[in-house]
Structure formats: structure tokens, C-alpha cells
């Protein structure tokens, strides 16, 4: 039976290597950029791909397939699906299909706006109900106390809302190639800089490492 990710700090939560997690989440995005940049060459080599339309439509089809493969691999590795990549995958499937069927670039360009709005809104609304949902994303790499997860959840919620607005400004005012380049090489550095800015708060709220059980037992015996 398929399960969703367990809550942060849940002792039964199964972790995944952070690098593997990053590869699964960023891999489809890198493929999207590559296929859009090399779309004309790929169509020249494989003419059947031309039936999808221009480079952006080909890149959209590859993006959808890569997201599906990423989710399958994630499930095989953990027997659970990470919530945020799952939401992204669903939105990619819906807007990607609209893009290909209606042959309108608008839908795939709006996808980051919808995803970021969903993430930002979900994180901020979750806080109103006492849920620090950002822990689902970072709990594999960090162990923070409840206050730490609440602080990060609020900050990331605001960040996602800002990124949604920024995507709207870029795709509505710039060329498609500029938007694709910004989506991969602009959003990623911005996200990395924002993530680095959260390190001080994470260090303040980091939980101490658990002591080995053997050491605890020795201390009890000594007492």
C-alpha cells in the first residue's frame, strides 16, 4: 500500500540520502532546461519529436515523463512518496497536459506560479493549525526542535509566495528562452542563497545528537 511521508521527528520515518533526494527533485528541472535549449537539434536528429511542436513543448513532455520517473524511484527507495514532489508532479501533469493538448505555452509557464502559491499557502495555513510542514522537506538532513521547524515553515512560506509573484513578472514580461533560463539558473541560485540565510536559525534550534545506548547504560550502572 502506498503511503505518504511521515511527520518530522517521527521515529518511524524512513530517511533518504540528501544528495539522492536533491537529484530526484532537481533532475527533471535540469532535463527541462537541456531539452528546451537543444530542442531543435533533437528534432533534427529524431524527426518524430517534431510532432510535439517547438522546443518548449518537447521539453514539457520530457519534464512530465521525468517527474513521473522521479516519483516512481522515490517510492521504490522509501516505499513512501514525499509530499512536496508529489504536489509538484500532479501540477506538472495537469498543466503539462494542457500545454501539449491546447498547444499553449501559457499553461507550463504558469505552473511555477501555481506550485509556489500552493506550497506557500499550504505552509502558512498549516502554521495556523499548528503544523510545521517544512519539516517534511528537510527532516532527512536536519534535526530541529519544534520552534525551529515553525520558524523555517513561516520563512519558506513567505519565500514561496514571493517566488510565485516573481515568476508571474518574468514570464509575462520576458521571452520564453529567458523564462526557461531564469527558471533553472535564476530560481536555483536565489533558493540556495535563501537557504544559506536560514543556517543561523537552524543552528540555534538544532537538536543535540543522541547519545549511544551503550554510553547511557554505562552511566546508569555507574550511578
Protein backbone atom coordinates (compact mmCIF):
# COMPACT_ATOMS: atom_id res chain seq x y z
CA UNK A 1 0.00 0.00 0.00
CA UNK A 2 1.31 3.44 -0.98
CA UNK A 3 1.99 5.78 1.95
CA UNK A 4 2.84 9.46 2.22
CA UNK A 5 5.82 10.84 4.07
CA UNK A 6 5.77 10.56 7.85
CA UNK A 7 5.82 13.68 10.01
CA UNK A 8 9.10 15.36 11.05
CA UNK A 9 10.73 13.81 14.15
CA UNK A 10 8.53 10.70 13.74
CA UNK A 11 10.77 7.80 14.89
CA UNK A 12 9.31 5.53 12.17
CA UNK A 13 10.12 8.00 9.39
CA UNK A 14 12.45 6.45 6.81
CA UNK A 15 15.19 8.77 5.56
CA UNK A 16 16.83 9.05 2.16
CA UNK A 17 20.30 10.28 1.29
CA UNK A 18 20.08 14.10 0.89
CA UNK A 19 22.08 14.02 -2.36
CA UNK A 20 19.80 11.36 -3.81
CA UNK A 21 16.78 13.40 -2.73
CA UNK A 22 18.19 16.51 -4.41
CA UNK A 23 18.92 14.58 -7.62
CA UNK A 24 15.37 13.23 -7.75
CA UNK A 25 13.85 16.68 -7.21
CA UNK A 26 16.19 18.73 -9.46
CA UNK A 27 16.85 16.14 -12.19
CA UNK A 28 13.58 16.74 -14.07
CA UNK A 29 14.15 20.51 -13.98
CA UNK A 30 17.66 20.18 -15.45
CA UNK A 31 16.28 17.93 -18.22
CA UNK A 32 13.60 20.53 -18.94
CA UNK A 33 16.25 23.21 -19.48
CA UNK A 34 18.50 20.94 -21.57
CA UNK A 35 15.73 19.79 -23.91
CA UNK A 36 14.42 23.33 -24.37
CA UNK A 37 17.94 24.55 -25.20
CA UNK A 38 18.69 21.65 -27.58
CA UNK A 39 15.16 21.07 -28.85
CA UNK A 40 15.88 21.96 -32.48
CA UNK A 41 18.92 19.66 -32.61
CA UNK A 42 16.91 16.81 -31.08
CA UNK A 43 14.10 17.26 -33.62
CA UNK A 44 16.65 17.31 -36.47
CA UNK A 45 18.10 14.01 -35.22
CA UNK A 46 14.75 12.44 -34.35
CA UNK A 47 12.12 14.00 -36.68
CA UNK A 48 9.24 12.16 -34.97
CA UNK A 49 9.72 14.50 -31.99
CA UNK A 50 8.68 17.42 -34.21
CA UNK A 51 5.07 16.31 -33.88
CA UNK A 52 5.06 17.76 -30.35
CA UNK A 53 5.80 21.27 -31.63
CA UNK A 54 8.65 23.64 -30.71
CA UNK A 55 11.41 23.11 -28.12
CA UNK A 56 9.27 24.20 -25.17
CA UNK A 57 6.58 21.63 -25.95
CA UNK A 58 9.18 18.88 -26.33
CA UNK A 59 10.79 19.97 -23.06
CA UNK A 60 7.37 19.91 -21.39
CA UNK A 61 6.78 16.30 -22.47
CA UNK A 62 10.22 15.27 -21.18
CA UNK A 63 9.61 17.17 -17.93
CA UNK A 64 6.36 15.30 -17.35
CA UNK A 65 7.98 11.92 -18.01
CA UNK A 66 10.98 12.76 -15.79
CA UNK A 67 8.72 13.82 -12.91
CA UNK A 68 6.81 10.54 -13.15
CA UNK A 69 10.05 8.53 -13.17
CA UNK A 70 11.37 10.56 -10.21
CA UNK A 71 8.25 9.78 -8.14
CA UNK A 72 8.45 6.08 -9.01
CA UNK A 73 12.12 5.91 -7.98
CA UNK A 74 11.33 7.77 -4.77
CA UNK A 75 8.59 5.29 -3.94
CA UNK A 76 10.82 2.30 -4.73
CA UNK A 77 13.57 3.66 -2.46
CA UNK A 78 11.37 4.63 0.50
CA UNK A 79 8.02 2.92 -0.12
CA UNK A 80 6.59 6.36 0.55
CA UNK A 81 6.03 9.47 -1.55
CA UNK A 82 7.44 12.82 -0.48
CA UNK A 83 4.56 15.27 -0.23
CA UNK A 84 6.03 18.33 -1.98
CA UNK A 85 7.44 16.48 -5.03
CA UNK A 86 4.09 14.68 -5.27
CA UNK A 87 2.21 18.00 -5.37
CA UNK A 88 4.67 19.29 -7.98
CA UNK A 89 4.21 16.14 -10.05
CA UNK A 90 0.44 16.47 -10.04
CA UNK A 91 0.58 20.13 -11.10
CA UNK A 92 3.16 19.32 -13.81
CA UNK A 93 0.92 16.54 -15.13
CA UNK A 94 -2.15 18.80 -15.28
CA UNK A 95 -0.52 21.90 -16.73
CA UNK A 96 1.83 19.91 -18.96
CA UNK A 97 -1.12 18.08 -20.48
CA UNK A 98 -2.96 21.37 -21.05
CA UNK A 99 0.18 22.79 -22.68
CA UNK A 100 0.55 19.87 -25.10
CA UNK A 101 -3.14 19.36 -25.88
CA UNK A 102 -4.00 23.02 -26.38
CA UNK A 103 -0.54 23.89 -27.73
CA UNK A 104 -0.39 26.94 -25.49
CA UNK A 105 2.83 27.85 -23.65
CA UNK A 106 0.90 29.82 -21.05
CA UNK A 107 -0.03 26.76 -19.01
CA UNK A 108 3.51 25.45 -18.43
CA UNK A 109 4.72 28.98 -17.70
CA UNK A 110 2.04 29.35 -15.04
CA UNK A 111 3.00 26.05 -13.40
CA UNK A 112 5.70 27.55 -11.10
CA UNK A 113 3.24 30.24 -10.04
CA UNK A 114 0.64 27.63 -9.11
CA UNK A 115 3.15 25.32 -7.38
CA UNK A 116 4.79 28.12 -5.37
CA UNK A 117 1.41 29.53 -4.39
CA UNK A 118 0.26 26.08 -3.27
CA UNK A 119 3.43 25.50 -1.26
CA UNK A 120 3.46 28.96 0.28
CA UNK A 121 -0.23 28.89 1.10
CA UNK A 122 -0.04 25.35 2.48
CA UNK A 123 2.91 26.17 4.74
CA UNK A 124 1.35 29.36 6.10
CA UNK A 125 -2.10 27.84 6.56
CA UNK A 126 -0.51 24.79 8.18
CA UNK A 127 1.06 27.07 10.78
CA UNK A 128 -2.40 28.35 11.69
CA UNK A 129 -3.28 24.76 12.60
CA UNK A 130 -0.02 24.18 14.47
CA UNK A 131 1.66 22.15 11.71
CA UNK A 132 5.29 22.92 10.75
CA UNK A 133 5.14 21.30 7.33
CA UNK A 134 8.60 22.38 6.12
CA UNK A 135 9.99 19.58 8.29
CA UNK A 136 8.72 17.12 5.67
CA UNK A 137 11.29 18.56 3.28
CA UNK A 138 14.37 18.94 5.49
CA UNK A 139 13.92 16.33 8.21
CA UNK A 140 16.16 13.88 6.31
CA UNK A 141 19.08 16.29 6.61
CA UNK A 142 18.46 18.22 9.87
CA UNK A 143 17.09 17.56 13.35
CA UNK A 144 15.46 20.69 14.77
CA UNK A 145 13.21 21.39 17.71
CA UNK A 146 9.59 22.37 17.18
CA UNK A 147 10.32 26.12 17.39
CA UNK A 148 12.96 25.75 14.69
CA UNK A 149 10.57 23.99 12.32
CA UNK A 150 7.92 26.68 12.96
CA UNK A 151 10.38 29.48 12.12
CA UNK A 152 11.53 27.76 8.93
CA UNK A 153 7.97 26.96 7.89
CA UNK A 154 6.96 30.64 8.16
CA UNK A 155 10.04 31.87 6.28
CA UNK A 156 9.72 29.31 3.50
CA UNK A 157 6.01 30.06 3.19
CA UNK A 158 6.76 33.73 2.54
CA UNK A 159 9.61 32.76 0.18
CA UNK A 160 7.33 30.59 -1.98
CA UNK A 161 4.75 33.37 -2.24
CA UNK A 162 7.46 35.84 -3.36
CA UNK A 163 8.74 33.33 -5.95
CA UNK A 164 5.21 32.91 -7.30
CA UNK A 165 4.95 36.66 -7.85
CA UNK A 166 8.43 36.78 -9.39
CA UNK A 167 7.59 34.01 -11.86
CA UNK A 168 4.50 35.91 -12.96
CA UNK A 169 6.54 39.06 -13.57
CA UNK A 170 9.22 37.21 -15.57
CA UNK A 171 7.05 35.11 -17.87
CA UNK A 172 4.69 37.97 -18.61
CA UNK A 173 7.44 40.48 -19.45
CA UNK A 174 10.29 38.39 -20.94
CA UNK A 175 10.87 35.95 -23.81
CA UNK A 176 10.29 32.21 -23.46
CA UNK A 177 14.02 31.42 -23.61
CA UNK A 178 14.70 33.99 -20.89
CA UNK A 179 11.96 32.50 -18.74
CA UNK A 180 13.34 28.95 -19.12
CA UNK A 181 16.87 30.12 -18.28
CA UNK A 182 15.55 32.04 -15.28
CA UNK A 183 13.51 29.03 -14.13
CA UNK A 184 16.65 26.86 -13.92
CA UNK A 185 19.61 29.21 -13.43
CA UNK A 186 17.86 32.08 -11.67
CA UNK A 187 15.49 30.38 -9.25
CA UNK A 188 18.09 27.84 -8.14
CA UNK A 189 20.72 30.41 -7.01
CA UNK A 190 18.02 32.51 -5.32
CA UNK A 191 16.83 29.43 -3.46
CA UNK A 192 20.37 28.48 -2.45
CA UNK A 193 21.07 31.99 -1.12
CA UNK A 194 17.80 31.97 0.81
CA UNK A 195 18.58 28.51 2.20
CA UNK A 196 22.04 29.65 3.34
CA UNK A 197 20.44 32.60 5.13
CA UNK A 198 18.46 30.14 7.27
CA UNK A 199 21.55 28.40 8.64
CA UNK A 200 21.90 30.61 11.79
CA UNK A 201 18.31 29.86 12.83
CA UNK A 202 18.82 26.16 12.14
CA UNK A 203 21.96 26.08 14.27
CA UNK A 204 20.15 27.78 17.16
CA UNK A 205 17.37 25.21 17.11
CA UNK A 206 19.33 22.09 16.24
CA UNK A 207 18.62 19.11 18.49
CA UNK A 208 21.64 17.54 20.22
CA UNK A 209 22.91 14.25 18.85
CA UNK A 210 21.50 11.24 20.62
CA UNK A 211 23.97 9.54 22.93
CA UNK A 212 24.85 5.93 22.15
CA UNK A 213 22.73 3.49 24.15
CA UNK A 214 25.84 1.77 25.48
CA UNK A 215 27.02 5.02 26.99
CA UNK A 216 23.65 5.65 28.64
CA UNK A 217 23.67 2.17 30.13
CA UNK A 218 27.21 2.59 31.49
CA UNK A 219 26.23 5.85 33.18
CA UNK A 220 23.21 4.16 34.78
CA UNK A 221 25.37 1.30 36.04
CA UNK A 222 27.90 3.74 37.48
CA UNK A 223 25.13 5.55 39.33
